[in-house]
Amino acid sequence: MKKIAVVILNWNGVQLLEQFLPSIIQYSSEAEIYVADNASTDDSISFIKKNFPTIKVVKNNGNYGFAKGYNEALQHIDAEIYALVNSDIEVTENWLSPILDTFENEPKTAIIQPKILDFKNKEYFEYAGAAGGFIDKYGYPYCRGRIFETIEKDNGQYNDTCEITWASGACFFIRSKIYHELKGFDNDFFAHQEEIDLCWRAKNNGHIIKYNPNSVVYHVGGATLKQGNPKKTFLNFRNSLLMLVKNLPKENLYSVLFIRMLLDGVAGVHFISKGKFSHFFAILKAHFAFYALFSKTYKKRGIFQSKRYYNVKSIVIDYYINNGKVFAK
């Protein structure tokens, strides 16, 4: 058994596998490489067997999305470290070494994210993760290198290893023992923000999450569900509310939820003003889905919820009113 398993979730992504598997094979000699297939109907599996026979395939019985897809597959993969990697990621030489060194030397570090740059514009950070993630008091995620739609150029300003609040699911390293202790991702999320929820639960349990800039990958982003898709809007708004219910300190739960839902309403009005009616209705749908799942989700709350879960009270106010367009501000 190799210490680390690189696991790529796939659903009908044969073109992405053809494009991006070669870099993973070339630069991942330390790892066992797996493709976890969500019951693809294209020729993904036959393509892998023919062209990349060293890669192991784990077959799921359905298209379970990101959360359950990994939960099902990782039951069959034996390794100390899981590297969960999107199928649209290009890795670089020695991308695994800094991660393995950190895990080796820092036993309290449970989750790590590398530097994630834009595959299409390699001088810039990529939307999904950039240089490590944070959330504000109301659960809005932002990153070093990306706040809402403002994406920074990589000028080495985030070349420091540091503790973060969440690591991007685009390239997500976690100790397998911790993953299974936390019961993995929440299946009810299907996709989007499940990694933030898992990281929040990990922090509530006293674990540390790190960003390591010495490991660099390039992410296409939106290759499976494009930015601006109403389904993406639905999943992000619903899952963010579910995440708050699971992880907020009890004394702040309902007040923060109330304000967050008002802010969602403002976002809905904004979509209407832009003529994006499908996104407005996606938010409405997300709220009704949240109400239906509230009781079930509340029962998932852990024993302890940390009161120190945010660095900024409102990233919305900082960004839109105080001109805090970049992380440094």
C-alpha atoms as a PDB file:
ATOM      1  CA  MET A   1       0.000   0.000   0.000  1.00  0.00           C
ATOM      2  CA  LYS A   2       1.281   3.444  -0.905  1.00  0.00           C
ATOM      3  CA  LYS A   3       0.856   6.149   1.683  1.00  0.00           C
ATOM      4  CA  ILE A   4      -1.217   8.413  -0.568  1.00  0.00           C
ATOM      5  CA  ALA A   5      -4.033   7.670  -3.003  1.00  0.00           C
ATOM      6  CA  VAL A   6      -4.916  10.168  -5.724  1.00  0.00           C
ATOM      7  CA  VAL A   7      -8.634   9.732  -6.371  1.00  0.00           C
ATOM      8  CA  ILE A   8     -10.319  11.380  -9.365  1.00  0.00           C
ATOM      9  CA  LEU A   9     -14.111  11.437  -9.462  1.00  0.00           C
ATOM     10  CA  ASN A  10     -15.511  10.990 -12.952  1.00  0.00           C
ATOM     11  CA  TRP A  11     -18.878  11.082 -14.666  1.00  0.00           C
ATOM     12  CA  ASN A  12     -18.934  10.989 -18.457  1.00  0.00           C
ATOM     13  CA  GLY A  13     -15.656  12.873 -18.538  1.00  0.00           C
ATOM     14  CA  VAL A  14     -13.584  10.866 -20.989  1.00  0.00           C
ATOM     15  CA  GLN A  15     -12.280  14.010 -22.721  1.00  0.00           C
ATOM     16  CA  LEU A  16     -11.089  15.456 -19.411  1.00  0.00           C
ATOM     17  CA  LEU A  17      -9.455  12.161 -18.471  1.00  0.00           C
ATOM     18  CA  GLU A  18      -7.634  12.074 -21.806  1.00  0.00           C
ATOM     19  CA  GLN A  19      -6.385  15.630 -21.289  1.00  0.00           C
ATOM     20  CA  PHE A  20      -5.443  15.629 -17.605  1.00  0.00           C
ATOM     21  CA  LEU A  21      -4.556  12.075 -16.535  1.00  0.00           C
ATOM     22  CA  PRO A  22      -1.108  12.199 -18.217  1.00  0.00           C
ATOM     23  CA  SER A  23       0.178  14.949 -15.889  1.00  0.00           C
ATOM     24  CA  ILE A  24      -1.110  13.091 -12.833  1.00  0.00           C
ATOM     25  CA  ILE A  25       0.583   9.877 -13.912  1.00  0.00           C
ATOM     26  CA  GLN A  26       3.806  11.682 -14.800  1.00  0.00           C
ATOM     27  CA  TYR A  27       4.153  13.541 -11.499  1.00  0.00           C
ATOM     28  CA  SER A  28       2.583  11.173  -8.951  1.00  0.00           C
ATOM     29  CA  SER A  29       5.039   8.325  -8.542  1.00  0.00           C
ATOM     30  CA  GLU A  30       4.505   8.463  -4.755  1.00  0.00           C
ATOM     31  CA  ALA A  31       0.807   7.646  -5.127  1.00  0.00           C
ATOM     32  CA  GLU A  32      -1.605   4.942  -6.143  1.00  0.00           C
ATOM     33  CA  ILE A  33      -3.972   6.500  -8.698  1.00  0.00           C
ATOM     34  CA  TYR A  34      -7.693   5.740  -8.808  1.00  0.00           C
ATOM     35  CA  VAL A  35     -10.636   6.905 -10.879  1.00  0.00           C
ATOM     36  CA  ALA A  36     -13.916   6.752  -8.966  1.00  0.00           C
ATOM     37  CA  ASP A  37     -16.574   6.456 -11.653  1.00  0.00           C
ATOM     38  CA  ASN A  38     -20.139   7.631 -10.998  1.00  0.00           C
ATOM     39  CA  ALA A  39     -21.796   5.141 -13.388  1.00  0.00           C
ATOM     40  CA  SER A  40     -20.642   6.890 -16.561  1.00  0.00           C
ATOM     41  CA  THR A  41     -22.537   6.121 -19.766  1.00  0.00           C
ATOM     42  CA  ASP A  42     -19.683   7.171 -22.064  1.00  0.00           C
ATOM     43  CA  ASP A  43     -16.583   5.056 -22.689  1.00  0.00           C
ATOM     44  CA  SER A  44     -14.619   6.435 -19.699  1.00  0.00           C
ATOM     45  CA  ILE A  45     -13.854   3.041 -18.159  1.00  0.00           C
ATOM     46  CA  SER A  46     -12.840   1.305 -21.370  1.00  0.00           C
ATOM     47  CA  PHE A  47     -10.684   4.317 -22.259  1.00  0.00           C
ATOM     48  CA  ILE A  48      -8.855   4.129 -18.919  1.00  0.00           C
ATOM     49  CA  LYS A  49      -8.298   0.372 -19.162  1.00  0.00           C
ATOM     50  CA  LYS A  50      -6.935   0.686 -22.686  1.00  0.00           C
ATOM     51  CA  ASN A  51      -4.768   3.782 -22.307  1.00  0.00           C
ATOM     52  CA  PHE A  52      -3.874   3.919 -18.595  1.00  0.00           C
ATOM     53  CA  PRO A  53      -3.785   0.309 -17.353  1.00  0.00           C
ATOM     54  CA  THR A  54      -1.925   1.226 -14.152  1.00  0.00           C
ATOM     55  CA  ILE A  55      -4.885   3.290 -12.929  1.00  0.00           C
ATOM     56  CA  LYS A  56      -7.364   1.482 -10.710  1.00  0.00           C
ATOM     57  CA  VAL A  57     -11.084   2.027 -11.292  1.00  0.00           C
ATOM     58  CA  VAL A  58     -13.702   2.018  -8.544  1.00  0.00           C
ATOM     59  CA  LYS A  59     -17.223   1.748  -9.973  1.00  0.00           C
ATOM     60  CA  ASN A  60     -20.126   3.418  -8.186  1.00  0.00           C
ATOM     61  CA  ASN A  61     -23.643   2.183  -8.886  1.00  0.00           C
ATOM     62  CA  GLY A  62     -25.102   5.590  -9.783  1.00  0.00           C
ATOM     63  CA  ASN A  63     -24.323   9.237 -10.439  1.00  0.00           C
ATOM     64  CA  TYR A  64     -24.066  10.169  -6.783  1.00  0.00           C
ATOM     65  CA  GLY A  65     -22.573  13.633  -7.274  1.00  0.00           C
ATOM     66  CA  PHE A  66     -19.403  14.803  -5.560  1.00  0.00           C
ATOM     67  CA  ALA A  67     -20.325  14.049  -1.950  1.00  0.00           C
ATOM     68  CA  LYS A  68     -21.764  10.540  -2.073  1.00  0.00           C
ATOM     69  CA  GLY A  69     -19.604   9.670  -5.070  1.00  0.00           C
ATOM     70  CA  TYR A  70     -16.459  10.051  -2.984  1.00  0.00           C
ATOM     71  CA  ASN A  71     -18.060   8.563   0.125  1.00  0.00           C
ATOM     72  CA  GLU A  72     -18.923   5.384  -1.758  1.00  0.00           C
ATOM     73  CA  ALA A  73     -15.595   5.072  -3.562  1.00  0.00           C
ATOM     74  CA  LEU A  74     -13.330   5.772  -0.584  1.00  0.00           C
ATOM     75  CA  GLN A  75     -14.766   2.802   1.286  1.00  0.00           C
ATOM     76  CA  HIS A  76     -12.765   0.663  -1.170  1.00  0.00           C
ATOM     77  CA  ILE A  77      -9.470   2.590  -1.131  1.00  0.00           C
ATOM     78  CA  ASP A  78      -6.809   1.873   1.461  1.00  0.00           C
ATOM     79  CA  ALA A  79      -4.320   4.708   2.053  1.00  0.00           C
ATOM     80  CA  GLU A  80      -3.181   6.990   4.861  1.00  0.00           C
ATOM     81  CA  ILE A  81      -3.791  10.145   2.806  1.00  0.00           C
ATOM     82  CA  TYR A  82      -6.518  10.809   0.245  1.00  0.00           C
ATOM     83  CA  ALA A  83      -5.833  13.335  -2.519  1.00  0.00           C
ATOM     84  CA  LEU A  84      -9.257  14.123  -3.964  1.00  0.00           C
ATOM     85  CA  VAL A  85      -8.634  15.683  -7.353  1.00  0.00           C
ATOM     86  CA  ASN A  86     -11.097  17.069  -9.897  1.00  0.00           C
ATOM     87  CA  SER A  87     -10.892  15.557 -13.366  1.00  0.00           C
ATOM     88  CA  ASP A  88     -10.048  19.007 -14.802  1.00  0.00           C
ATOM     89  CA  ILE A  89      -6.859  19.502 -12.760  1.00  0.00           C
ATOM     90  CA  GLU A  90      -3.359  19.646 -14.225  1.00  0.00           C
ATOM     91  CA  VAL A  91      -0.698  18.919 -11.623  1.00  0.00           C
ATOM     92  CA  THR A  92       2.941  20.003 -11.606  1.00  0.00           C
ATOM     93  CA  GLU A  93       6.264  18.367 -10.810  1.00  0.00           C
ATOM     94  CA  ASN A  94       6.733  17.586  -7.100  1.00  0.00           C
ATOM     95  CA  TRP A  95       3.156  18.605  -6.273  1.00  0.00           C
ATOM     96  CA  LEU A  96       2.837  15.787  -3.709  1.00  0.00           C
ATOM     97  CA  SER A  97       6.137  16.153  -1.831  1.00  0.00           C
ATOM     98  CA  PRO A  98       5.304  19.385   0.112  1.00  0.00           C
ATOM     99  CA  ILE A  99       1.928  17.958   1.111  1.00  0.00           C
ATOM    100  CA  LEU A 100       3.383  14.678   2.357  1.00  0.00           C
ATOM    101  CA  ASP A 101       6.109  16.561   4.261  1.00  0.00           C
ATOM    102  CA  THR A 102       3.502  18.695   6.035  1.00  0.00           C
ATOM    103  CA  PHE A 103       1.440  15.680   7.046  1.00  0.00           C
ATOM    104  CA  GLU A 104       4.594  13.924   8.229  1.00  0.00           C
ATOM    105  CA  ASN A 105       5.829  16.833  10.349  1.00  0.00           C
ATOM    106  CA  GLU A 106       2.521  18.241  11.606  1.00  0.00           C
ATOM    107  CA  PRO A 107       0.382  15.457  13.118  1.00  0.00           C
ATOM    108  CA  LYS A 108      -2.418  17.895  14.049  1.00  0.00           C
ATOM    109  CA  THR A 109      -2.859  19.024  10.440  1.00  0.00           C
ATOM    110  CA  ALA A 110      -5.747  17.032   8.978  1.00  0.00           C
ATOM    111  CA  ILE A 111      -6.506  18.753   5.661  1.00  0.00           C
ATOM    112  CA  ILE A 112      -4.313  20.624   3.158  1.00  0.00           C
ATOM    113  CA  GLN A 113      -4.936  22.634   0.001  1.00  0.00           C
ATOM    114  CA  PRO A 114      -2.274  23.472  -2.610  1.00  0.00           C
ATOM    115  CA  LYS A 115      -2.054  26.717  -4.579  1.00  0.00           C
ATOM    116  CA  ILE A 116      -4.773  26.551  -7.238  1.00  0.00           C
ATOM    117  CA  LEU A 117      -4.159  28.607 -10.378  1.00  0.00           C
ATOM    118  CA  ASP A 118      -6.302  29.069 -13.488  1.00  0.00           C
ATOM    119  CA  PHE A 119      -5.516  26.544 -16.220  1.00  0.00           C
ATOM    120  CA  LYS A 120      -6.711  28.986 -18.896  1.00  0.00           C
ATOM    121  CA  ASN A 121      -4.810  31.971 -17.486  1.00  0.00           C
ATOM    122  CA  LYS A 122      -1.945  30.568 -15.472  1.00  0.00           C
ATOM    123  CA  GLU A 123      -0.773  33.848 -13.967  1.00  0.00           C
ATOM    124  CA  TYR A 124      -4.040  34.164 -12.029  1.00  0.00           C
ATOM    125  CA  PHE A 125      -5.626  32.305  -9.146  1.00  0.00           C
ATOM    126  CA  GLU A 126      -8.578  30.062  -9.915  1.00  0.00           C
ATOM    127  CA  TYR A 127     -12.032  30.777  -8.538  1.00  0.00           C
ATOM    128  CA  ALA A 128     -12.524  27.490  -6.671  1.00  0.00           C
ATOM    129  CA  GLY A 129     -10.028  27.728  -3.831  1.00  0.00           C
ATOM    130  CA  ALA A 130      -7.253  30.071  -5.000  1.00  0.00           C
ATOM    131  CA  ALA A 131      -4.850  30.349  -2.018  1.00  0.00           C
ATOM    132  CA  GLY A 132      -7.140  28.917   0.648  1.00  0.00           C
ATOM    133  CA  GLY A 133     -10.679  29.537   1.841  1.00  0.00           C
ATOM    134  CA  PHE A 134     -12.449  31.418   4.631  1.00  0.00           C
ATOM    135  CA  ILE A 135     -16.062  32.236   5.510  1.00  0.00           C
ATOM    136  CA  ASP A 136     -17.655  35.302   7.050  1.00  0.00           C
ATOM    137  CA  LYS A 137     -20.098  35.321   9.964  1.00  0.00           C
ATOM    138  CA  TYR A 138     -23.010  34.543   7.647  1.00  0.00           C
ATOM    139  CA  GLY A 139     -21.371  31.643   5.854  1.00  0.00           C
ATOM    140  CA  TYR A 140     -20.318  33.387   2.648  1.00  0.00           C
ATOM    141  CA  PRO A 141     -17.106  31.787   1.361  1.00  0.00           C
ATOM    142  CA  TYR A 142     -14.152  33.734   0.014  1.00  0.00           C
ATOM    143  CA  CYS A 143     -10.485  33.037  -0.636  1.00  0.00           C
ATOM    144  CA  ARG A 144      -7.080  34.534  -0.479  1.00  0.00           C
ATOM    145  CA  GLY A 145      -6.835  35.522  -4.117  1.00  0.00           C
ATOM    146  CA  ARG A 146     -10.571  35.486  -4.888  1.00  0.00           C
ATOM    147  CA  ILE A 147     -13.482  37.416  -3.400  1.00  0.00           C
ATOM    148  CA  PHE A 148     -16.777  37.000  -5.245  1.00  0.00           C
ATOM    149  CA  GLU A 149     -15.945  37.716  -8.906  1.00  0.00           C
ATOM    150  CA  THR A 150     -12.629  39.515  -8.274  1.00  0.00           C
ATOM    151  CA  ILE A 151      -9.711  37.188  -8.972  1.00  0.00           C
ATOM    152  CA  GLU A 152      -6.162  38.286  -8.221  1.00  0.00           C
ATOM    153  CA  LYS A 153      -3.008  37.759 -10.230  1.00  0.00           C
ATOM    154  CA  ASP A 154      -0.464  35.507  -8.530  1.00  0.00           C
ATOM    155  CA  ASN A 155       2.409  37.819  -7.712  1.00  0.00           C
ATOM    156  CA  GLY A 156       3.710  35.636  -4.900  1.00  0.00           C
ATOM    157  CA  GLN A 157       1.615  37.542  -2.343  1.00  0.00           C
ATOM    158  CA  TYR A 158       0.264  34.257  -0.942  1.00  0.00           C
ATOM    159  CA  ASN A 159       3.438  32.192  -0.941  1.00  0.00           C
ATOM    160  CA  ASP A 160       3.241  31.630   2.802  1.00  0.00           C
ATOM    161  CA  THR A 161       2.059  28.401   4.370  1.00  0.00           C
ATOM    162  CA  CYS A 162      -0.809  29.277   6.689  1.00  0.00           C
ATOM    163  CA  GLU A 163      -3.869  27.981   8.486  1.00  0.00           C
ATOM    164  CA  ILE A 164      -7.147  28.394   6.586  1.00  0.00           C
ATOM    165  CA  THR A 165     -10.823  27.736   7.258  1.00  0.00           C
ATOM    166  CA  TRP A 166     -11.549  25.480   4.303  1.00  0.00           C
ATOM    167  CA  ALA A 167      -9.725  23.718   1.489  1.00  0.00           C
ATOM    168  CA  SER A 168     -11.123  23.518  -2.020  1.00  0.00           C
ATOM    169  CA  GLY A 169     -12.674  20.271  -3.182  1.00  0.00           C
ATOM    170  CA  ALA A 170     -10.960  20.824  -6.545  1.00  0.00           C
ATOM    171  CA  CYS A 171      -7.750  19.510  -4.956  1.00  0.00           C
ATOM    172  CA  PHE A 172      -8.297  18.351  -1.398  1.00  0.00           C
ATOM    173  CA  PHE A 173      -5.839  16.392   0.762  1.00  0.00           C
ATOM    174  CA  ILE A 174      -7.102  14.728   3.949  1.00  0.00           C
ATOM    175  CA  ARG A 175      -5.924  12.047   6.347  1.00  0.00           C
ATOM    176  CA  SER A 176      -8.116   9.000   5.686  1.00  0.00           C
ATOM    177  CA  LYS A 177      -8.576   8.381   9.402  1.00  0.00           C
ATOM    178  CA  ILE A 178     -10.037  11.864   9.877  1.00  0.00           C
ATOM    179  CA  TYR A 179     -12.202  11.539   6.778  1.00  0.00           C
ATOM    180  CA  HIS A 180     -13.847   8.392   8.095  1.00  0.00           C
ATOM    181  CA  GLU A 181     -14.093   9.676  11.682  1.00  0.00           C
ATOM    182  CA  LEU A 182     -16.102  12.638  10.322  1.00  0.00           C
ATOM    183  CA  LYS A 183     -18.153  10.241   8.150  1.00  0.00           C
ATOM    184  CA  GLY A 184     -16.946  11.944   5.003  1.00  0.00           C
ATOM    185  CA  PHE A 185     -18.926  14.461   3.015  1.00  0.00           C
ATOM    186  CA  ASP A 186     -22.621  15.033   3.671  1.00  0.00           C
ATOM    187  CA  ASN A 187     -24.535  13.036   1.045  1.00  0.00           C
ATOM    188  CA  ASP A 188     -27.457  15.484   1.189  1.00  0.00           C
ATOM    189  CA  PHE A 189     -25.271  18.213  -0.337  1.00  0.00           C
ATOM    190  CA  PHE A 190     -24.807  16.244  -3.602  1.00  0.00           C
ATOM    191  CA  ALA A 191     -22.307  18.873  -4.829  1.00  0.00           C
ATOM    192  CA  HIS A 192     -20.997  22.341  -3.866  1.00  0.00           C
ATOM    193  CA  GLN A 193     -19.837  23.471  -0.418  1.00  0.00           C
ATOM    194  CA  GLU A 194     -19.625  19.928   0.918  1.00  0.00           C
ATOM    195  CA  GLU A 195     -15.890  20.467   1.382  1.00  0.00           C
ATOM    196  CA  ILE A 196     -16.507  23.639   3.412  1.00  0.00           C
ATOM    197  CA  ASP A 197     -18.934  21.730   5.624  1.00  0.00           C
ATOM    198  CA  LEU A 198     -16.418  18.905   6.109  1.00  0.00           C
ATOM    199  CA  CYS A 199     -13.659  21.387   6.969  1.00  0.00           C
ATOM    200  CA  TRP A 200     -15.921  23.218   9.420  1.00  0.00           C
ATOM    201  CA  ARG A 201     -16.757  19.943  11.143  1.00  0.00           C
ATOM    202  CA  ALA A 202     -13.050  19.110  11.258  1.00  0.00           C
ATOM    203  CA  LYS A 203     -12.268  22.463  12.908  1.00  0.00           C
ATOM    204  CA  ASN A 204     -15.102  21.933  15.388  1.00  0.00           C
ATOM    205  CA  ASN A 205     -13.300  18.715  16.317  1.00  0.00           C
ATOM    206  CA  GLY A 206      -9.999  20.501  16.879  1.00  0.00           C
ATOM    207  CA  HIS A 207      -8.244  19.669  13.609  1.00  0.00           C
ATOM    208  CA  ILE A 208      -6.045  22.066  11.625  1.00  0.00           C
ATOM    209  CA  ILE A 209      -6.445  22.940   7.932  1.00  0.00           C
ATOM    210  CA  LYS A 210      -3.496  24.315   6.007  1.00  0.00           C
ATOM    211  CA  TYR A 211      -2.681  25.980   2.685  1.00  0.00           C
ATOM    212  CA  ASN A 212       0.678  25.004   1.190  1.00  0.00           C
ATOM    213  CA  PRO A 213       1.859  27.156  -1.758  1.00  0.00           C
ATOM    214  CA  ASN A 214       4.780  24.855  -2.534  1.00  0.00           C
ATOM    215  CA  SER A 215       2.338  22.480  -4.198  1.00  0.00           C
ATOM    216  CA  VAL A 216       0.847  24.001  -7.354  1.00  0.00           C
ATOM    217  CA  VAL A 217      -1.998  22.775  -9.573  1.00  0.00           C
ATOM    218  CA  TYR A 218      -3.986  24.313 -12.423  1.00  0.00           C
ATOM    219  CA  HIS A 219      -7.780  24.038 -12.510  1.00  0.00           C
ATOM    220  CA  VAL A 220     -10.071  24.564 -15.493  1.00  0.00           C
ATOM    221  CA  GLY A 221     -13.115  25.195 -13.290  1.00  0.00           C
ATOM    222  CA  GLY A 222     -16.744  24.800 -14.339  1.00  0.00           C
ATOM    223  CA  ALA A 223     -15.931  21.825 -16.558  1.00  0.00           C
ATOM    224  CA  THR A 224     -18.732  19.734 -15.030  1.00  0.00           C
ATOM    225  CA  LEU A 225     -21.235  22.455 -13.998  1.00  0.00           C
ATOM    226  CA  LYS A 226     -20.482  25.853 -15.459  1.00  0.00           C
ATOM    227  CA  GLN A 227     -20.474  29.112 -13.521  1.00  0.00           C
ATOM    228  CA  GLY A 228     -23.783  30.885 -14.062  1.00  0.00           C
ATOM    229  CA  ASN A 229     -25.822  27.679 -14.210  1.00  0.00           C
ATOM    230  CA  PRO A 230     -29.065  28.038 -12.140  1.00  0.00           C
ATOM    231  CA  LYS A 231     -28.536  24.522 -10.746  1.00  0.00           C
ATOM    232  CA  LYS A 232     -25.207  25.712  -9.347  1.00  0.00           C
ATOM    233  CA  THR A 233     -26.993  28.711  -7.777  1.00  0.00           C
ATOM    234  CA  PHE A 234     -29.563  26.376  -6.211  1.00  0.00           C
ATOM    235  CA  LEU A 235     -26.941  24.038  -4.747  1.00  0.00           C
ATOM    236  CA  ASN A 236     -24.750  26.842  -3.408  1.00  0.00           C
ATOM    237  CA  PHE A 237     -27.596  28.693  -1.653  1.00  0.00           C
ATOM    238  CA  ARG A 238     -29.263  25.563  -0.262  1.00  0.00           C
ATOM    239  CA  ASN A 239     -26.052  23.922   0.900  1.00  0.00           C
ATOM    240  CA  SER A 240     -24.761  27.098   2.517  1.00  0.00           C
ATOM    241  CA  LEU A 241     -27.869  27.236   4.706  1.00  0.00           C
ATOM    242  CA  LEU A 242     -27.583  23.533   5.549  1.00  0.00           C
ATOM    243  CA  MET A 243     -23.942  24.064   6.503  1.00  0.00           C
ATOM    244  CA  LEU A 244     -24.873  26.883   8.874  1.00  0.00           C
ATOM    245  CA  VAL A 245     -27.476  24.731  10.620  1.00  0.00           C
ATOM    246  CA  LYS A 246     -24.916  21.982  11.187  1.00  0.00           C
ATOM    247  CA  ASN A 247     -21.999  24.065  12.369  1.00  0.00           C
ATOM    248  CA  LEU A 248     -22.993  27.422  13.871  1.00  0.00           C
ATOM    249  CA  PRO A 249     -22.693  27.909  17.641  1.00  0.00           C
ATOM    250  CA  LYS A 250     -26.139  27.291  19.126  1.00  0.00           C
ATOM    251  CA  GLU A 251     -26.461  30.787  20.590  1.00  0.00           C
ATOM    252  CA  ASN A 252     -25.910  32.344  17.145  1.00  0.00           C
ATOM    253  CA  LEU A 253     -27.806  29.850  15.024  1.00  0.00           C
ATOM    254  CA  TYR A 254     -31.177  31.506  14.477  1.00  0.00           C
ATOM    255  CA  SER A 255     -30.010  35.123  14.429  1.00  0.00           C
ATOM    256  CA  VAL A 256     -27.319  34.379  11.844  1.00  0.00           C
ATOM    257  CA  LEU A 257     -29.710  32.264   9.783  1.00  0.00           C
ATOM    258  CA  PHE A 258     -32.296  35.060   9.770  1.00  0.00           C
ATOM    259  CA  ILE A 259     -29.793  37.667   8.546  1.00  0.00           C
ATOM    260  CA  ARG A 260     -28.348  35.252   6.000  1.00  0.00           C
ATOM    261  CA  MET A 261     -31.798  34.590   4.562  1.00  0.00           C
ATOM    262  CA  LEU A 262     -32.431  38.337   4.288  1.00  0.00           C
ATOM    263  CA  LEU A 263     -29.127  38.653   2.422  1.00  0.00           C
ATOM    264  CA  ASP A 264     -30.232  35.837   0.127  1.00  0.00           C
ATOM    265  CA  GLY A 265     -33.324  37.906  -0.596  1.00  0.00           C
ATOM    266  CA  VAL A 266     -31.102  40.851  -1.560  1.00  0.00           C
ATOM    267  CA  ALA A 267     -29.188  38.516  -3.876  1.00  0.00           C
ATOM    268  CA  GLY A 268     -32.487  37.461  -5.424  1.00  0.00           C
ATOM    269  CA  VAL A 269     -33.467  41.077  -6.082  1.00  0.00           C
ATOM    270  CA  HIS A 270     -30.039  41.623  -7.625  1.00  0.00           C
ATOM    271  CA  PHE A 271     -30.629  38.716 -10.007  1.00  0.00           C
ATOM    272  CA  ILE A 272     -34.006  40.197 -10.991  1.00  0.00           C
ATOM    273  CA  SER A 273     -32.388  43.575 -11.678  1.00  0.00           C
ATOM    274  CA  LYS A 274     -29.956  41.817 -14.026  1.00  0.00           C
ATOM    275  CA  GLY A 275     -32.759  39.937 -15.780  1.00  0.00           C
ATOM    276  CA  LYS A 276     -31.493  36.594 -14.399  1.00  0.00           C
ATOM    277  CA  PHE A 277     -34.902  35.291 -13.402  1.00  0.00           C
ATOM    278  CA  SER A 278     -33.853  31.632 -13.458  1.00  0.00           C
ATOM    279  CA  HIS A 279     -31.310  32.380 -10.703  1.00  0.00           C
ATOM    280  CA  PHE A 280     -33.934  34.219  -8.641  1.00  0.00           C
ATOM    281  CA  PHE A 281     -36.169  31.168  -8.813  1.00  0.00           C
ATOM    282  CA  ALA A 282     -33.176  28.950  -7.999  1.00  0.00           C
ATOM    283  CA  ILE A 283     -32.779  30.855  -4.707  1.00  0.00           C
ATOM    284  CA  LEU A 284     -36.490  30.427  -3.924  1.00  0.00           C
ATOM    285  CA  LYS A 285     -36.224  26.725  -4.699  1.00  0.00           C
ATOM    286  CA  ALA A 286     -33.114  26.492  -2.511  1.00  0.00           C
ATOM    287  CA  HIS A 287     -34.949  28.000   0.467  1.00  0.00           C
ATOM    288  CA  PHE A 288     -37.913  25.626   0.152  1.00  0.00           C
ATOM    289  CA  ALA A 289     -35.507  22.684  -0.123  1.00  0.00           C
ATOM    290  CA  PHE A 290     -33.715  23.984   2.975  1.00  0.00           C
ATOM    291  CA  TYR A 291     -36.982  24.100   4.964  1.00  0.00           C
ATOM    292  CA  ALA A 292     -37.690  20.496   3.976  1.00  0.00           C
ATOM    293  CA  LEU A 293     -34.240  19.369   5.169  1.00  0.00           C
ATOM    294  CA  PHE A 294     -34.007  21.541   8.290  1.00  0.00           C
ATOM    295  CA  SER A 295     -35.046  18.946  10.877  1.00  0.00           C
ATOM    296  CA  LYS A 296     -32.890  16.199   9.396  1.00  0.00           C
ATOM    297  CA  THR A 297     -29.913  18.557   9.162  1.00  0.00           C
ATOM    298  CA  TYR A 298     -30.283  19.885  12.713  1.00  0.00           C
ATOM    299  CA  LYS A 299     -29.902  16.321  14.020  1.00  0.00           C
ATOM    300  CA  LYS A 300     -26.453  16.167  12.398  1.00  0.00           C
ATOM    301  CA  ARG A 301     -25.027  18.865  14.680  1.00  0.00           C
ATOM    302  CA  GLY A 302     -21.921  17.768  16.528  1.00  0.00           C
ATOM    303  CA  ILE A 303     -21.251  17.957  20.249  1.00  0.00           C
ATOM    304  CA  PHE A 304     -19.131  21.106  19.947  1.00  0.00           C
ATOM    305  CA  GLN A 305     -19.333  24.162  17.665  1.00  0.00           C
ATOM    306  CA  SER A 306     -16.432  26.605  17.755  1.00  0.00           C
ATOM    307  CA  LYS A 307     -17.327  30.270  18.282  1.00  0.00           C
ATOM    308  CA  ARG A 308     -14.263  31.363  16.305  1.00  0.00           C
ATOM    309  CA  TYR A 309     -15.239  30.277  12.816  1.00  0.00           C
ATOM    310  CA  TYR A 310     -14.919  33.559  10.889  1.00  0.00           C
ATOM    311  CA  ASN A 311     -12.326  36.304  10.329  1.00  0.00           C
ATOM    312  CA  VAL A 312     -14.590  38.913   8.724  1.00  0.00           C
ATOM    313  CA  LYS A 313     -18.084  39.800   9.913  1.00  0.00           C
ATOM    314  CA  SER A 314     -19.536  40.478   6.469  1.00  0.00           C
ATOM    315  CA  ILE A 315     -17.568  39.947   3.283  1.00  0.00           C
ATOM    316  CA  VAL A 316     -20.592  41.329   1.404  1.00  0.00           C
ATOM    317  CA  ILE A 317     -20.306  44.734   3.145  1.00  0.00           C
ATOM    318  CA  ASP A 318     -16.501  44.739   2.888  1.00  0.00           C
ATOM    319  CA  TYR A 319     -16.628  43.959  -0.834  1.00  0.00           C
ATOM    320  CA  TYR A 320     -19.546  46.052  -2.059  1.00  0.00           C
ATOM    321  CA  ILE A 321     -19.466  48.989   0.374  1.00  0.00           C
ATOM    322  CA  ASN A 322     -15.938  49.233   1.802  1.00  0.00           C
ATOM    323  CA  ASN A 323     -14.170  48.453  -1.495  1.00  0.00           C
ATOM    324  CA  GLY A 324     -12.508  45.347  -0.110  1.00  0.00           C
ATOM    325  CA  LYS A 325     -12.056  43.769  -3.514  1.00  0.00           C
ATOM    326  CA  VAL A 326      -8.885  41.852  -2.642  1.00  0.00           C
ATOM    327  CA  PHE A 327      -8.001  39.751   0.390  1.00  0.00           C
ATOM    328  CA  ALA A 328      -5.387  42.196   1.701  1.00  0.00           C
ATOM    329  CA  LYS A 329      -8.128  44.811   2.182  1.00  0.00           C
END
